[in-house]
Amino acid sequence: MAQFESLVAANKRNSIFLVVLFVLFICVLGGVLGWALWGDWRAAVPSIVLALAVSLVMALVGYYSGPSTVLAMSGAKPVAKEDDPQLYNIVEELSIASGLPIPKLYVIDTPAMNAFATGRDPQHAAVAVTRGLRERLGRDELQGVLAHELSHVRNFDIRFMTLMAVLVGTVVLLADIGLRSLFWGGRGRRRSSGRGGGPIMLVILLVAILLAIVAPILAHLIQLASSRQREFLADASAAHMTRYPEGLARALEALGADTQPMPEASRATAHLFIIQPMMAAGRRHTRGNVWSSHPPIAERVARLRSIGNVEA
């Protein structure tokens, strides 16, 4: 189990790269849509500024209010130490071992088995587990799940996934506004026809429409691919934290076989959970494609057990 610090460092570098890529993506989308709508390339500059301003406002709102919103949407309730001493004991042990502040703990009152972490940084982190997970897992398995969630905190995945969700939402919002404006009669098309710029503007218009259609899909695919890689890293980090990969492997098998529905989850929050909460039990083990926010459980378990075999 080698060089986890380098893996985390690479994770942070990739996070910065993806955020920069999304910002550039938003600039291009805003500029092309502005040009197409107003019929003048000079309109691209204020459009880019407006797009960046929108993304900045959404990022600030998501950064500071996103975690509390996610907890409220999931129906998570804070749990006190005296209410569940064992849960707190496990989290305290893992936090001390990994050098993390102890996060706030929440319980979601549902028989389904799942868990997630949220927050903007380790000092403002929260971990939520479902009642079903708490009641049906043994200590070793519960420790594996909590170590996975604390790994998301330590690796700063909680901050990154919040920002990714905001940036993807910005791309979708800009694309939707742009498409509606283009189809309902952009001012630029009327102006360009009187300036003899028809062929150029036609190309810009087609590029703008194509970008507005493709951009949200591409942004969502990048978000999903990033989410899958972070799940693998959190699994490996959890195995390193507990020194017992089998605990998390058994927990994932139990979670993957769970057939209880989880109406508390939504498409907006599904990527945060340790397993996909909106997928049938049988498909969680083997399904893995570009539209999945989580890797197949069978692959995650196999990787964890290969770690255990190497250690043995």
Protein backbone atom coordinates (compact mmCIF):
# COMPACT_ATOMS: atom_id res chain seq x y z
CA MET A 1 0.00 0.00 0.00
CA ALA A 2 2.36 2.63 -1.23
CA GLN A 3 2.68 6.35 -1.58
CA PHE A 4 -0.80 7.51 -0.60
CA GLU A 5 0.55 11.01 -0.14
CA SER A 6 1.54 11.09 -3.82
CA LEU A 7 -1.89 9.79 -4.81
CA VAL A 8 -3.60 12.52 -2.80
CA ALA A 9 -1.24 15.13 -4.28
CA ALA A 10 -2.06 13.87 -7.78
CA ASN A 11 -5.75 14.01 -6.85
CA LYS A 12 -5.40 17.67 -5.88
CA ARG A 13 -3.50 18.49 -9.08
CA ASN A 14 -6.14 16.79 -11.19
CA SER A 15 -8.82 18.70 -9.28
CA ILE A 16 -7.16 22.03 -10.05
CA PHE A 17 -6.77 21.03 -13.71
CA LEU A 18 -10.44 20.06 -14.02
CA VAL A 19 -11.65 23.26 -12.35
CA VAL A 20 -9.47 25.35 -14.71
CA LEU A 21 -10.74 23.30 -17.66
CA PHE A 22 -14.33 23.96 -16.63
CA VAL A 23 -13.69 27.69 -16.25
CA LEU A 24 -12.19 27.83 -19.75
CA PHE A 25 -15.12 25.78 -21.00
CA ILE A 26 -17.54 28.30 -19.49
CA CYS A 27 -15.60 31.18 -21.08
CA VAL A 28 -15.74 29.60 -24.54
CA LEU A 29 -19.42 28.76 -24.18
CA GLY A 30 -20.30 32.25 -22.95
CA GLY A 31 -18.22 33.95 -25.66
CA VAL A 32 -19.62 31.95 -28.57
CA LEU A 33 -23.20 32.32 -27.36
CA GLY A 34 -22.74 36.08 -26.92
CA TRP A 35 -21.28 36.42 -30.40
CA ALA A 36 -24.11 34.39 -31.95
CA LEU A 37 -26.85 36.21 -30.05
CA TRP A 38 -25.63 39.77 -30.70
CA GLY A 39 -24.06 39.30 -34.13
CA ASP A 40 -20.82 41.00 -33.12
CA TRP A 41 -17.58 39.39 -31.93
CA ARG A 42 -17.13 42.27 -29.49
CA ALA A 43 -20.17 40.99 -27.61
CA ALA A 44 -18.16 37.89 -26.69
CA VAL A 45 -16.14 39.79 -24.07
CA PRO A 46 -19.04 41.01 -21.88
CA SER A 47 -20.69 37.60 -22.37
CA ILE A 48 -17.58 35.88 -21.00
CA VAL A 49 -17.51 38.28 -18.04
CA LEU A 50 -21.18 37.60 -17.37
CA ALA A 51 -20.67 33.82 -17.59
CA LEU A 52 -17.75 34.00 -15.15
CA ALA A 53 -19.76 36.20 -12.79
CA VAL A 54 -22.62 33.69 -12.82
CA SER A 55 -20.24 30.79 -12.15
CA LEU A 56 -18.52 32.72 -9.33
CA VAL A 57 -21.81 33.52 -7.60
CA MET A 58 -23.00 29.92 -7.95
CA ALA A 59 -19.63 28.64 -6.67
CA LEU A 60 -19.76 30.87 -3.59
CA VAL A 61 -23.35 29.86 -2.84
CA GLY A 62 -22.52 26.19 -3.34
CA TYR A 63 -19.31 26.42 -1.32
CA TYR A 64 -20.93 27.91 1.76
CA SER A 65 -24.50 26.59 1.64
CA GLY A 66 -24.12 23.39 -0.43
CA PRO A 67 -23.26 21.01 2.45
CA SER A 68 -26.17 22.13 4.64
CA THR A 69 -28.49 21.92 1.64
CA VAL A 70 -27.37 18.35 0.88
CA LEU A 71 -27.92 17.29 4.51
CA ALA A 72 -31.37 18.89 4.54
CA MET A 73 -32.34 17.31 1.20
CA SER A 74 -31.29 13.89 2.50
CA GLY A 75 -33.26 14.25 5.74
CA ALA A 76 -30.09 13.84 7.83
CA LYS A 77 -30.41 14.59 11.54
CA PRO A 78 -27.46 15.29 13.88
CA VAL A 79 -26.66 12.54 16.34
CA ALA A 80 -25.09 13.20 19.74
CA LYS A 81 -22.29 11.14 21.24
CA GLU A 82 -24.50 9.86 24.06
CA ASP A 83 -27.04 8.64 21.48
CA ASP A 84 -24.53 6.38 19.69
CA PRO A 85 -21.24 5.98 21.59
CA GLN A 86 -19.92 3.22 19.31
CA LEU A 87 -20.40 5.27 16.14
CA TYR A 88 -18.59 8.21 17.73
CA ASN A 89 -15.84 5.94 19.04
CA ILE A 90 -15.11 4.58 15.56
CA VAL A 91 -15.07 8.04 14.00
CA GLU A 92 -12.84 9.42 16.77
CA GLU A 93 -10.34 6.56 16.35
CA LEU A 94 -10.18 7.04 12.58
CA SER A 95 -9.94 10.81 12.86
CA ILE A 96 -7.07 10.64 15.33
CA ALA A 97 -5.26 8.01 13.24
CA SER A 98 -5.56 10.12 10.08
CA GLY A 99 -4.91 13.49 11.72
CA LEU A 100 -8.35 14.88 10.89
CA PRO A 101 -10.72 16.98 12.99
CA ILE A 102 -13.70 14.92 14.15
CA PRO A 103 -16.56 15.61 11.72
CA LYS A 104 -20.16 16.23 12.68
CA LEU A 105 -22.20 13.03 12.53
CA TYR A 106 -25.68 12.64 11.09
CA VAL A 107 -28.13 9.78 10.70
CA ILE A 108 -30.69 9.42 7.90
CA ASP A 109 -33.77 7.61 9.15
CA THR A 110 -34.19 5.03 6.39
CA PRO A 111 -33.78 1.23 6.32
CA ALA A 112 -31.63 1.51 3.18
CA MET A 113 -27.87 1.08 3.64
CA ASN A 114 -25.70 4.00 2.54
CA ALA A 115 -23.47 6.85 3.70
CA PHE A 116 -21.90 10.06 2.43
CA ALA A 117 -19.56 12.87 3.47
CA THR A 118 -19.97 16.55 2.71
CA GLY A 119 -18.49 19.90 3.70
CA ARG A 120 -16.13 22.48 2.28
CA ASP A 121 -12.97 21.30 4.09
CA PRO A 122 -11.89 18.95 6.93
CA GLN A 123 -12.66 21.65 9.52
CA HIS A 124 -16.27 21.90 8.30
CA ALA A 125 -16.96 18.29 7.36
CA ALA A 126 -19.97 16.12 8.09
CA VAL A 127 -20.55 12.38 7.70
CA ALA A 128 -24.04 10.93 7.38
CA VAL A 129 -24.98 7.25 7.67
CA THR A 130 -28.36 5.66 7.24
CA ARG A 131 -30.16 3.87 10.04
CA GLY A 132 -30.13 0.69 7.96
CA LEU A 133 -26.36 0.79 7.60
CA ARG A 134 -25.88 1.47 11.29
CA GLU A 135 -28.13 -1.41 12.35
CA ARG A 136 -27.07 -4.07 9.83
CA LEU A 137 -23.28 -3.78 9.63
CA GLY A 138 -20.81 -5.17 12.13
CA ARG A 139 -18.08 -3.02 13.66
CA ASP A 140 -15.37 -3.92 11.12
CA GLU A 141 -17.66 -3.24 8.17
CA LEU A 142 -18.95 0.01 9.70
CA GLN A 143 -15.36 1.10 10.32
CA GLY A 144 -14.55 0.43 6.66
CA VAL A 145 -17.46 2.59 5.47
CA LEU A 146 -16.60 5.43 7.84
CA ALA A 147 -12.93 5.25 6.80
CA HIS A 148 -14.05 5.57 3.17
CA GLU A 149 -16.05 8.71 3.97
CA LEU A 150 -13.25 10.21 6.04
CA SER A 151 -10.92 9.51 3.11
CA HIS A 152 -13.13 11.74 0.98
CA VAL A 153 -12.66 14.41 3.63
CA ARG A 154 -8.88 13.95 3.83
CA ASN A 155 -8.50 13.90 0.04
CA PHE A 156 -10.60 17.09 -0.28
CA ASP A 157 -13.08 15.24 -2.50
CA ILE A 158 -15.93 16.88 -0.59
CA ARG A 159 -14.81 20.34 -1.73
CA PHE A 160 -14.02 19.23 -5.25
CA MET A 161 -17.33 17.46 -5.88
CA THR A 162 -19.24 20.50 -4.59
CA LEU A 163 -17.36 22.77 -7.01
CA MET A 164 -17.81 20.27 -9.84
CA ALA A 165 -21.55 20.16 -9.26
CA VAL A 166 -21.69 23.98 -9.32
CA LEU A 167 -19.61 24.23 -12.50
CA VAL A 168 -21.67 21.57 -14.27
CA GLY A 169 -24.81 23.41 -13.17
CA THR A 170 -23.38 26.65 -14.58
CA VAL A 171 -22.68 25.00 -17.95
CA VAL A 172 -26.21 23.57 -18.07
CA LEU A 173 -27.74 26.94 -17.12
CA LEU A 174 -25.74 28.89 -19.72
CA ALA A 175 -26.46 26.31 -22.42
CA ASP A 176 -30.18 26.33 -21.65
CA ILE A 177 -30.39 30.14 -21.69
CA GLY A 178 -28.34 30.25 -24.90
CA LEU A 179 -30.45 27.67 -26.72
CA ARG A 180 -33.71 29.33 -25.74
CA SER A 181 -32.40 32.73 -26.87
CA LEU A 182 -31.10 31.36 -30.17
CA PHE A 183 -34.28 29.51 -31.04
CA TRP A 184 -36.58 32.36 -30.03
CA GLY A 185 -34.83 34.87 -32.26
CA GLY A 186 -31.42 36.20 -31.29
CA ARG A 187 -30.93 39.87 -31.84
CA GLY A 188 -27.61 39.13 -33.51
CA ARG A 189 -29.17 37.21 -36.38
CA ARG A 190 -31.37 40.14 -37.31
CA ARG A 191 -28.50 42.61 -37.10
CA SER A 192 -25.98 40.49 -38.99
CA SER A 193 -28.26 40.06 -42.00
CA GLY A 194 -28.04 43.80 -42.67
CA ARG A 195 -24.24 43.88 -42.44
CA GLY A 196 -23.38 41.28 -45.02
CA GLY A 197 -21.89 38.98 -42.40
CA GLY A 198 -24.28 36.14 -43.21
CA PRO A 199 -21.83 33.25 -43.91
CA ILE A 200 -19.62 33.96 -40.90
CA MET A 201 -22.58 34.44 -38.61
CA LEU A 202 -24.15 31.25 -39.89
CA VAL A 203 -21.02 29.34 -38.89
CA ILE A 204 -20.96 31.03 -35.46
CA LEU A 205 -24.65 30.27 -35.00
CA LEU A 206 -24.16 26.59 -35.84
CA VAL A 207 -21.15 26.36 -33.51
CA ALA A 208 -23.13 28.05 -30.73
CA ILE A 209 -26.05 25.63 -31.13
CA LEU A 210 -23.69 22.64 -31.21
CA LEU A 211 -21.84 23.84 -28.11
CA ALA A 212 -25.07 24.52 -26.24
CA ILE A 213 -26.22 20.95 -26.95
CA VAL A 214 -22.94 19.13 -26.40
CA ALA A 215 -21.51 21.16 -23.48
CA PRO A 216 -23.89 19.92 -20.74
CA ILE A 217 -23.41 16.30 -21.84
CA LEU A 218 -19.62 16.60 -21.91
CA ALA A 219 -19.56 18.43 -18.57
CA HIS A 220 -21.68 15.72 -16.95
CA LEU A 221 -19.46 12.94 -18.37
CA ILE A 222 -16.35 14.63 -16.95
CA GLN A 223 -18.05 14.92 -13.57
CA LEU A 224 -19.01 11.23 -13.57
CA ALA A 225 -15.53 10.06 -14.62
CA SER A 226 -13.99 12.15 -11.85
CA SER A 227 -16.46 10.74 -9.32
CA ARG A 228 -15.58 7.14 -10.24
CA GLN A 229 -11.86 7.74 -9.82
CA ARG A 230 -12.40 9.36 -6.44
CA GLU A 231 -14.37 6.34 -5.23
CA PHE A 232 -11.45 4.05 -6.09
CA LEU A 233 -8.99 6.35 -4.30
CA ALA A 234 -11.25 6.61 -1.23
CA ASP A 235 -11.50 2.80 -1.08
CA ALA A 236 -7.73 2.45 -1.19
CA SER A 237 -7.25 5.25 1.34
CA ALA A 238 -9.77 3.60 3.67
CA ALA A 239 -7.91 0.29 3.45
CA HIS A 240 -4.71 2.13 4.34
CA MET A 241 -6.43 3.91 7.24
CA THR A 242 -7.92 0.78 8.82
CA ARG A 243 -5.22 -1.69 7.75
CA TYR A 244 -8.09 -4.09 7.09
CA PRO A 245 -9.34 -3.98 3.46
CA GLU A 246 -11.68 -6.92 4.04
CA GLY A 247 -13.91 -4.86 6.33
CA LEU A 248 -14.78 -2.37 3.57
CA ALA A 249 -14.96 -5.16 0.97
CA ARG A 250 -17.60 -7.02 3.00
CA ALA A 251 -19.46 -3.77 3.66
CA LEU A 252 -19.60 -2.98 -0.06
CA GLU A 253 -20.95 -6.45 -0.80
CA ALA A 254 -23.67 -5.98 1.82
CA LEU A 255 -24.54 -2.50 0.52
CA GLY A 256 -24.61 -3.73 -3.06
CA ALA A 257 -27.06 -6.50 -2.17
CA ASP A 258 -29.40 -4.15 -0.30
CA THR A 259 -32.81 -3.94 -1.97
CA GLN A 260 -34.32 -1.21 0.20
CA PRO A 261 -35.33 1.90 -1.78
CA MET A 262 -33.90 5.25 -0.73
CA PRO A 263 -36.29 8.08 -1.61
CA GLU A 264 -34.15 10.47 0.46
CA ALA A 265 -31.56 10.46 -2.35
CA SER A 266 -31.90 12.38 -5.62
CA ARG A 267 -29.98 12.74 -8.86
CA ALA A 268 -28.41 15.89 -7.44
CA THR A 269 -26.94 14.05 -4.42
CA ALA A 270 -26.51 10.47 -5.68
CA HIS A 271 -22.82 10.91 -6.57
CA LEU A 272 -21.99 11.73 -2.92
CA PHE A 273 -23.05 8.35 -1.51
CA ILE A 274 -20.68 5.41 -1.08
CA ILE A 275 -22.81 3.39 -3.52
CA GLN A 276 -25.29 4.56 -6.14
CA PRO A 277 -28.57 4.86 -4.17
CA MET A 278 -30.82 5.03 -7.23
CA MET A 279 -29.73 1.79 -8.92
CA ALA A 280 -31.18 -1.69 -8.54
CA ALA A 281 -29.13 -4.03 -6.35
CA GLY A 282 -28.25 -6.46 -9.13
CA ARG A 283 -26.89 -3.75 -11.41
CA ARG A 284 -24.63 -2.16 -8.80
CA HIS A 285 -22.22 -5.10 -8.87
CA THR A 286 -21.53 -5.31 -12.56
CA ARG A 287 -22.72 -2.15 -14.29
CA GLY A 288 -19.97 0.26 -15.18
CA ASN A 289 -20.05 2.75 -18.02
CA VAL A 290 -19.49 6.42 -18.78
CA TRP A 291 -22.92 7.30 -17.32
CA SER A 292 -22.20 5.76 -13.90
CA SER A 293 -21.20 7.93 -10.95
CA HIS A 294 -19.72 4.90 -9.16
CA PRO A 295 -17.51 2.01 -10.32
CA PRO A 296 -19.05 -1.49 -10.24
CA ILE A 297 -19.01 -2.89 -6.72
CA ALA A 298 -17.49 -6.16 -7.93
CA GLU A 299 -14.48 -4.24 -9.26
CA ARG A 300 -14.14 -2.21 -6.06
CA VAL A 301 -14.25 -5.37 -3.94
CA ALA A 302 -11.70 -7.11 -6.17
CA ARG A 303 -9.29 -4.17 -5.85
CA LEU A 304 -9.67 -4.12 -2.07
CA ARG A 305 -9.02 -7.85 -1.80
CA SER A 306 -5.99 -7.58 -4.05
CA ILE A 307 -4.63 -5.01 -1.56
CA GLY A 308 -5.28 -7.47 1.26
CA ASN A 309 -3.50 -10.27 -0.64
CA VAL A 310 -0.44 -8.09 -1.25
CA GLU A 311 -0.29 -7.19 2.45
CA ALA A 312 -0.64 -10.83 3.46
